[in-house]
């Protein structure tokens, strides 16, 4: 098999598939409100049996779900990039998993 562009396979992350596979009821979209109108990202933490984190990223219409995960290591590449930009956010995710 040659390494032509037609034979190169890439794996892309699809949040819709992950939501469906997990049977999750998380919202994919969240409108902007007065408490997050200046935010670029929003991090939610659910503390039930196992902590779950959800990262939303702002676009021109509101916030869209980037990923949901239980540990930093489980996060998709884009979610990790967001966390890596903010040590405080990353520490809050990693701290809960120690």
N, C-alpha and C. Protein backbone atom coordinates (compact mmCIF):
# COMPACT_ATOMS: atom_id res chain seq x y z
N UNK A 1 0.84 -1.18 0.00
CA UNK A 1 0.00 0.00 0.00
C UNK A 1 0.89 1.24 0.00
N UNK A 2 0.67 2.16 -0.88
CA UNK A 2 1.50 3.36 -0.97
C UNK A 2 0.99 4.42 0.00
N UNK A 3 1.84 5.41 0.23
CA UNK A 3 1.48 6.49 1.15
C UNK A 3 0.91 7.69 0.41
N UNK A 4 0.02 7.45 -0.51
CA UNK A 4 -0.63 8.56 -1.20
C UNK A 4 -1.70 9.13 -0.29
N UNK A 5 -2.09 10.37 -0.51
CA UNK A 5 -3.11 10.98 0.34
C UNK A 5 -4.40 10.16 0.41
N UNK A 6 -4.71 9.40 -0.63
CA UNK A 6 -5.94 8.62 -0.64
C UNK A 6 -5.88 7.42 0.30
N UNK A 7 -4.67 6.98 0.64
CA UNK A 7 -4.52 5.80 1.49
C UNK A 7 -4.22 6.16 2.94
N UNK A 8 -4.00 7.44 3.22
CA UNK A 8 -3.70 7.85 4.59
C UNK A 8 -5.02 7.98 5.34
N UNK A 9 -5.10 7.28 6.47
CA UNK A 9 -6.31 7.35 7.28
C UNK A 9 -6.04 8.22 8.49
N UNK A 10 -6.98 9.08 8.78
CA UNK A 10 -6.87 9.91 9.97
C UNK A 10 -8.05 9.62 10.87
N UNK A 11 -7.84 9.78 12.13
CA UNK A 11 -8.91 9.60 13.08
C UNK A 11 -9.32 10.97 13.56
N UNK A 12 -10.57 11.32 13.34
CA UNK A 12 -11.04 12.60 13.81
C UNK A 12 -12.05 12.37 14.94
N UNK A 13 -12.07 13.31 15.85
CA UNK A 13 -12.94 13.22 17.00
C UNK A 13 -14.31 13.80 16.63
N UNK A 14 -15.37 13.10 16.98
CA UNK A 14 -16.73 13.55 16.71
C UNK A 14 -17.51 13.53 18.01
N UNK A 15 -17.76 14.71 18.56
CA UNK A 15 -18.46 14.80 19.84
C UNK A 15 -19.87 14.22 19.75
N UNK A 16 -20.49 14.33 18.59
CA UNK A 16 -21.86 13.79 18.44
C UNK A 16 -21.85 12.27 18.59
N UNK A 17 -20.85 11.62 18.00
CA UNK A 17 -20.74 10.16 18.14
C UNK A 17 -20.46 9.77 19.58
N UNK A 18 -19.61 10.54 20.26
CA UNK A 18 -19.29 10.23 21.65
C UNK A 18 -20.52 10.38 22.54
N UNK A 19 -21.29 11.44 22.33
CA UNK A 19 -22.52 11.64 23.10
C UNK A 19 -23.49 10.47 22.90
N UNK A 20 -23.64 10.07 21.65
CA UNK A 20 -24.56 8.98 21.33
C UNK A 20 -24.06 7.65 21.92
N UNK A 21 -22.79 7.36 21.76
CA UNK A 21 -22.22 6.10 22.26
C UNK A 21 -22.33 6.00 23.78
N UNK A 22 -22.20 7.14 24.45
CA UNK A 22 -22.26 7.15 25.91
C UNK A 22 -23.70 7.21 26.43
N UNK A 23 -24.65 7.43 25.53
CA UNK A 23 -26.03 7.59 25.96
C UNK A 23 -26.18 8.84 26.84
N UNK A 24 -25.36 9.82 26.58
CA UNK A 24 -25.32 11.03 27.39
C UNK A 24 -26.47 11.96 27.08
N UNK A 25 -26.90 12.65 28.10
CA UNK A 25 -27.95 13.66 27.93
C UNK A 25 -27.38 15.07 28.02
N UNK A 26 -26.07 15.19 27.92
CA UNK A 26 -25.45 16.51 27.94
C UNK A 26 -25.93 17.32 26.75
N UNK A 27 -26.02 18.60 26.95
CA UNK A 27 -26.41 19.49 25.88
C UNK A 27 -25.20 19.80 25.00
N UNK A 28 -25.39 19.74 23.69
CA UNK A 28 -24.30 20.07 22.76
C UNK A 28 -24.12 21.58 22.68
N UNK A 29 -25.19 22.33 22.86
CA UNK A 29 -25.15 23.78 22.72
C UNK A 29 -25.67 24.44 23.99
N UNK A 30 -25.06 25.56 24.34
CA UNK A 30 -25.46 26.32 25.51
C UNK A 30 -25.46 27.80 25.14
N UNK A 31 -26.56 28.49 25.37
CA UNK A 31 -26.58 29.91 25.02
C UNK A 31 -25.70 30.74 25.96
N UNK A 32 -25.30 31.89 25.48
CA UNK A 32 -24.54 32.83 26.30
C UNK A 32 -25.51 33.46 27.30
N UNK A 33 -25.06 33.59 28.53
CA UNK A 33 -25.87 34.26 29.55
C UNK A 33 -25.04 35.32 30.25
N UNK A 34 -25.64 36.07 31.14
CA UNK A 34 -24.94 37.19 31.78
C UNK A 34 -23.71 36.74 32.57
N UNK A 35 -23.70 35.54 33.11
CA UNK A 35 -22.55 35.12 33.91
C UNK A 35 -21.39 34.57 33.07
N UNK A 36 -21.59 34.35 31.77
CA UNK A 36 -20.49 33.85 30.93
C UNK A 36 -20.34 34.63 29.63
N UNK A 37 -20.90 35.82 29.58
CA UNK A 37 -20.89 36.57 28.33
C UNK A 37 -19.50 36.99 27.86
N UNK A 38 -18.53 37.05 28.76
CA UNK A 38 -17.17 37.43 28.37
C UNK A 38 -16.23 36.22 28.28
N UNK A 39 -16.76 35.04 28.47
CA UNK A 39 -15.93 33.83 28.49
C UNK A 39 -15.69 33.29 27.08
N UNK A 40 -14.54 32.70 26.90
CA UNK A 40 -14.21 31.99 25.67
C UNK A 40 -14.50 30.50 25.84
N UNK A 41 -14.26 30.01 27.06
CA UNK A 41 -14.49 28.61 27.40
C UNK A 41 -15.26 28.52 28.70
N UNK A 42 -16.01 27.43 28.85
CA UNK A 42 -16.71 27.15 30.10
C UNK A 42 -16.39 25.71 30.48
N UNK A 43 -16.02 25.51 31.74
CA UNK A 43 -15.73 24.17 32.26
C UNK A 43 -16.78 23.85 33.31
N UNK A 44 -17.47 22.73 33.13
CA UNK A 44 -18.41 22.23 34.12
C UNK A 44 -17.85 20.97 34.74
N UNK A 45 -18.11 20.79 36.01
CA UNK A 45 -17.69 19.58 36.71
C UNK A 45 -18.90 18.96 37.37
N UNK A 46 -19.13 17.69 37.11
CA UNK A 46 -20.18 16.92 37.77
C UNK A 46 -19.50 15.98 38.75
N UNK A 47 -19.86 16.08 40.01
CA UNK A 47 -19.20 15.29 41.04
C UNK A 47 -20.15 14.22 41.59
N UNK A 48 -20.40 13.21 40.81
CA UNK A 48 -21.23 12.10 41.28
C UNK A 48 -20.28 10.98 41.69
N UNK A 49 -20.48 9.77 41.24
CA UNK A 49 -19.59 8.67 41.60
C UNK A 49 -18.16 8.93 41.14
N UNK A 50 -18.02 9.38 39.91
CA UNK A 50 -16.72 9.70 39.32
C UNK A 50 -16.83 11.11 38.74
N UNK A 51 -15.88 11.99 39.04
CA UNK A 51 -15.96 13.35 38.47
C UNK A 51 -15.98 13.31 36.95
N UNK A 52 -16.87 14.10 36.36
CA UNK A 52 -16.92 14.24 34.91
C UNK A 52 -16.80 15.71 34.59
N UNK A 53 -16.00 16.01 33.58
CA UNK A 53 -15.76 17.39 33.16
C UNK A 53 -16.33 17.59 31.77
N UNK A 54 -16.87 18.79 31.55
CA UNK A 54 -17.37 19.16 30.23
C UNK A 54 -16.77 20.52 29.88
N UNK A 55 -16.18 20.59 28.70
CA UNK A 55 -15.63 21.86 28.22
C UNK A 55 -16.47 22.33 27.04
N UNK A 56 -16.92 23.57 27.14
CA UNK A 56 -17.66 24.23 26.07
C UNK A 56 -16.82 25.38 25.54
N UNK A 57 -16.87 25.59 24.23
CA UNK A 57 -16.11 26.66 23.58
C UNK A 57 -17.08 27.61 22.89
N UNK A 58 -16.83 28.88 23.03
CA UNK A 58 -17.72 29.89 22.46
C UNK A 58 -17.51 30.02 20.96
N UNK A 59 -18.63 30.11 20.26
CA UNK A 59 -18.60 30.49 18.85
C UNK A 59 -19.51 31.70 18.70
N UNK A 60 -19.85 32.08 17.50
CA UNK A 60 -20.64 33.30 17.31
C UNK A 60 -22.07 33.18 17.82
N UNK A 61 -22.56 31.96 18.07
CA UNK A 61 -23.94 31.75 18.47
C UNK A 61 -24.10 31.42 19.96
N UNK A 62 -23.06 30.92 20.59
CA UNK A 62 -23.13 30.51 21.98
C UNK A 62 -21.95 29.61 22.29
N UNK A 63 -22.17 28.62 23.13
CA UNK A 63 -21.11 27.68 23.50
C UNK A 63 -21.45 26.29 22.99
N UNK A 64 -20.46 25.62 22.40
CA UNK A 64 -20.65 24.26 21.91
C UNK A 64 -19.74 23.32 22.69
N UNK A 65 -20.23 22.13 22.91
CA UNK A 65 -19.49 21.13 23.67
C UNK A 65 -18.26 20.68 22.89
N UNK A 66 -17.10 20.78 23.52
CA UNK A 66 -15.85 20.31 22.92
C UNK A 66 -15.67 18.84 23.26
N UNK A 67 -15.83 18.51 24.55
CA UNK A 67 -15.66 17.13 25.00
C UNK A 67 -16.14 16.99 26.43
N UNK A 68 -16.39 15.75 26.84
CA UNK A 68 -16.66 15.43 28.23
C UNK A 68 -15.80 14.23 28.58
N UNK A 69 -15.27 14.21 29.81
CA UNK A 69 -14.28 13.20 30.16
C UNK A 69 -14.16 13.11 31.67
N UNK A 70 -13.54 12.03 32.14
CA UNK A 70 -13.33 11.82 33.57
C UNK A 70 -11.92 12.17 34.03
N UNK A 71 -10.96 12.11 33.13
CA UNK A 71 -9.58 12.46 33.45
C UNK A 71 -9.00 13.25 32.29
N UNK A 72 -7.94 13.96 32.56
CA UNK A 72 -7.25 14.71 31.51
C UNK A 72 -6.84 13.78 30.37
N UNK A 73 -6.37 12.61 30.73
CA UNK A 73 -5.89 11.66 29.73
C UNK A 73 -7.00 11.21 28.78
N UNK A 74 -8.24 11.21 29.23
CA UNK A 74 -9.38 10.79 28.39
C UNK A 74 -9.88 11.90 27.46
N UNK A 75 -9.45 13.11 27.68
CA UNK A 75 -9.94 14.25 26.90
C UNK A 75 -9.43 14.18 25.45
N UNK A 76 -10.22 14.71 24.54
CA UNK A 76 -9.79 14.76 23.14
C UNK A 76 -8.66 15.79 23.01
N UNK A 77 -7.99 15.77 21.89
CA UNK A 77 -6.84 16.65 21.66
C UNK A 77 -7.19 18.13 21.82
N UNK A 78 -8.34 18.53 21.29
CA UNK A 78 -8.72 19.95 21.38
C UNK A 78 -9.01 20.35 22.82
N UNK A 79 -9.66 19.49 23.59
CA UNK A 79 -9.92 19.78 25.00
C UNK A 79 -8.60 19.90 25.77
N UNK A 80 -7.65 19.03 25.46
CA UNK A 80 -6.33 19.12 26.11
C UNK A 80 -5.64 20.43 25.75
N UNK A 81 -5.76 20.87 24.51
CA UNK A 81 -5.16 22.15 24.10
C UNK A 81 -5.75 23.30 24.93
N UNK A 82 -7.06 23.27 25.12
CA UNK A 82 -7.73 24.31 25.91
C UNK A 82 -7.22 24.27 27.35
N UNK A 83 -7.17 23.09 27.93
CA UNK A 83 -6.69 22.95 29.31
C UNK A 83 -5.23 23.36 29.43
N UNK A 84 -4.42 23.02 28.44
CA UNK A 84 -3.00 23.35 28.48
C UNK A 84 -2.76 24.87 28.41
N UNK A 85 -3.69 25.60 27.80
CA UNK A 85 -3.58 27.06 27.72
C UNK A 85 -3.82 27.71 29.08
N UNK A 86 -4.55 27.00 29.95
CA UNK A 86 -4.89 27.57 31.25
C UNK A 86 -4.48 26.63 32.37
N UNK A 87 -3.33 26.88 33.00
CA UNK A 87 -2.88 26.02 34.08
C UNK A 87 -3.89 25.88 35.21
N UNK A 88 -4.66 26.94 35.50
CA UNK A 88 -5.67 26.86 36.57
C UNK A 88 -6.76 25.86 36.21
N UNK A 89 -7.22 25.89 34.97
CA UNK A 89 -8.23 24.92 34.53
C UNK A 89 -7.66 23.50 34.57
N UNK A 90 -6.46 23.35 34.04
CA UNK A 90 -5.84 22.02 33.99
C UNK A 90 -5.63 21.47 35.40
N UNK A 91 -5.18 22.31 36.31
CA UNK A 91 -4.99 21.86 37.69
C UNK A 91 -6.29 21.45 38.34
N UNK A 92 -7.37 22.13 38.02
CA UNK A 92 -8.66 21.76 38.62
C UNK A 92 -9.13 20.40 38.13
N UNK A 93 -8.85 20.07 36.89
CA UNK A 93 -9.20 18.76 36.36
C UNK A 93 -8.29 17.70 36.93
N UNK A 94 -7.00 17.93 36.91
CA UNK A 94 -6.04 16.94 37.39
C UNK A 94 -6.12 16.76 38.90
N UNK A 95 -6.38 17.84 39.63
CA UNK A 95 -6.42 17.78 41.08
C UNK A 95 -7.52 16.83 41.56
N UNK A 96 -8.67 16.87 40.93
CA UNK A 96 -9.80 16.04 41.33
C UNK A 96 -9.54 14.56 41.10
N UNK A 97 -8.58 14.23 40.25
CA UNK A 97 -8.32 12.84 39.89
C UNK A 97 -7.16 12.24 40.67
N UNK A 98 -6.59 12.97 41.62
CA UNK A 98 -5.43 12.47 42.38
C UNK A 98 -5.91 11.58 43.51
